[in-house]
Amino acid sequence: MENLNNVGQNGPSEMEKFKMDRKICTVEKAWEEYSLKLKNLEASYGYKWRKAPTEKMFFLRRRPLFLEIERRIEAGEPVDVILKDLEETRGKKSLFVLCKMLKQ
């Protein structure tokens, strides 16, 4: 995964090289990647950081998970409770399947 400390300093070419971690398989790790890295990229660059079609698709597939967590945080639920609940909902299913369930 690309180090985001260099994103602003080295310009858009470095930003466009950032790739989401495809090895993440838990709700907690997906949220960690989003809250510590992706959310900042989205706020700073909008969709431009994910110009590559593969990054765009991968982000959009995980987006329902991020939106659900943010919605529940805004409703006052503690993050650890939300993550545990979503992980239990996921069970043995993949994150992809959980995100599809949340999208419906």
Protein backbone atom coordinates (compact mmCIF):
# COMPACT_ATOMS: atom_id res chain seq x y z
CA MET A 1 0.00 0.00 0.00
CA GLU A 2 1.29 3.44 -0.89
CA ASN A 3 2.45 5.61 2.00
CA LEU A 4 0.04 8.53 2.28
CA ASN A 5 2.55 10.76 4.01
CA ASN A 6 3.97 11.44 0.54
CA VAL A 7 0.63 12.06 -1.18
CA GLY A 8 0.47 15.83 -0.76
CA GLN A 9 4.18 16.42 -1.11
CA ASN A 10 4.78 14.60 -4.38
CA GLY A 11 1.67 15.75 -6.20
CA PRO A 12 -1.09 13.96 -8.05
CA SER A 13 1.13 11.33 -9.67
CA GLU A 14 1.86 9.82 -6.25
CA MET A 15 -1.79 10.19 -5.24
CA GLU A 16 -2.92 8.27 -8.31
CA LYS A 17 -0.58 5.39 -7.45
CA PHE A 18 -2.35 4.69 -4.15
CA LYS A 19 -4.08 1.32 -4.10
CA MET A 20 -6.50 -0.02 -1.55
CA ASP A 21 -5.34 -3.10 0.29
CA ARG A 22 -6.95 -6.13 -1.35
CA LYS A 23 -5.82 -8.41 1.49
CA ILE A 24 -8.11 -6.79 4.06
CA CYS A 25 -10.78 -9.27 5.09
CA THR A 26 -12.28 -7.88 8.31
CA VAL A 27 -14.66 -5.01 8.98
CA GLU A 28 -12.24 -3.51 11.49
CA LYS A 29 -9.30 -3.43 9.05
CA ALA A 30 -11.49 -2.06 6.24
CA TRP A 31 -12.69 0.73 8.55
CA GLU A 32 -9.13 1.42 9.68
CA GLU A 33 -7.97 1.81 6.07
CA TYR A 34 -10.93 4.09 5.31
CA SER A 35 -10.82 6.25 8.43
CA LEU A 36 -7.03 6.67 8.47
CA LYS A 37 -6.34 6.95 4.74
CA LEU A 38 -9.19 6.83 2.26
CA LYS A 39 -11.38 9.40 3.97
CA ASN A 40 -8.51 11.89 3.77
CA LEU A 41 -7.94 11.11 0.09
CA GLU A 42 -11.64 11.56 -0.63
CA ALA A 43 -11.72 14.87 1.26
CA SER A 44 -8.55 16.17 -0.41
CA TYR A 45 -8.89 14.87 -3.95
CA GLY A 46 -12.45 13.61 -4.40
CA TYR A 47 -12.64 10.84 -6.98
CA LYS A 48 -9.31 11.84 -8.58
CA TRP A 49 -7.22 9.57 -6.35
CA ARG A 50 -9.11 6.57 -7.77
CA LYS A 51 -8.92 7.26 -11.47
CA ALA A 52 -7.85 3.71 -12.29
CA PRO A 53 -10.99 1.67 -13.08
CA THR A 54 -9.93 -1.10 -10.69
CA GLU A 55 -9.54 1.32 -7.77
CA LYS A 56 -12.79 3.05 -8.56
CA MET A 57 -14.70 -0.25 -8.62
CA PHE A 58 -13.01 -1.60 -5.50
CA PHE A 59 -13.74 1.59 -3.54
CA LEU A 60 -17.35 1.73 -4.71
CA ARG A 61 -17.87 -1.89 -3.70
CA ARG A 62 -16.67 -1.16 -0.16
CA ARG A 63 -18.40 2.20 0.10
CA PRO A 64 -21.70 0.83 1.51
CA LEU A 65 -19.75 -0.48 4.50
CA PHE A 66 -18.12 2.90 5.12
CA LEU A 67 -21.43 4.73 4.78
CA GLU A 68 -23.17 2.33 7.19
CA ILE A 69 -20.46 2.79 9.81
CA GLU A 70 -20.54 6.58 9.44
CA ARG A 71 -24.35 6.62 9.63
CA ARG A 72 -24.29 4.63 12.86
CA ILE A 73 -21.53 6.80 14.36
CA GLU A 74 -23.64 9.89 13.63
CA ALA A 75 -26.55 8.16 15.39
CA GLY A 76 -24.38 7.92 18.51
CA GLU A 77 -23.27 4.29 18.46
CA PRO A 78 -19.73 3.56 19.66
CA VAL A 79 -17.38 2.51 16.85
CA ASP A 80 -16.27 -0.69 18.60
CA VAL A 81 -19.90 -1.82 18.96
CA ILE A 82 -20.63 -1.05 15.30
CA LEU A 83 -17.56 -2.94 14.08
CA LYS A 84 -18.34 -5.95 16.24
CA ASP A 85 -21.96 -6.01 15.09
CA LEU A 86 -21.02 -5.78 11.41
CA GLU A 87 -18.35 -8.44 11.83
CA GLU A 88 -20.96 -10.74 13.40
CA THR A 89 -23.33 -9.96 10.54
CA ARG A 90 -20.58 -10.82 8.07
CA GLY A 91 -19.89 -14.13 9.79
CA LYS A 92 -18.01 -16.33 7.36
CA LYS A 93 -19.03 -14.28 4.35
CA SER A 94 -16.56 -12.06 2.52
CA LEU A 95 -16.49 -8.28 2.91
CA PHE A 96 -17.76 -8.10 -0.66
CA VAL A 97 -20.89 -10.05 0.29
CA LEU A 98 -21.42 -7.93 3.42
CA CYS A 99 -21.14 -4.75 1.34
CA LYS A 100 -23.69 -6.09 -1.13
CA MET A 101 -26.03 -6.87 1.78
CA LEU A 102 -25.64 -3.33 3.14
CA LYS A 103 -26.25 -1.78 -0.26
CA GLN A 104 -29.72 -3.32 -0.51
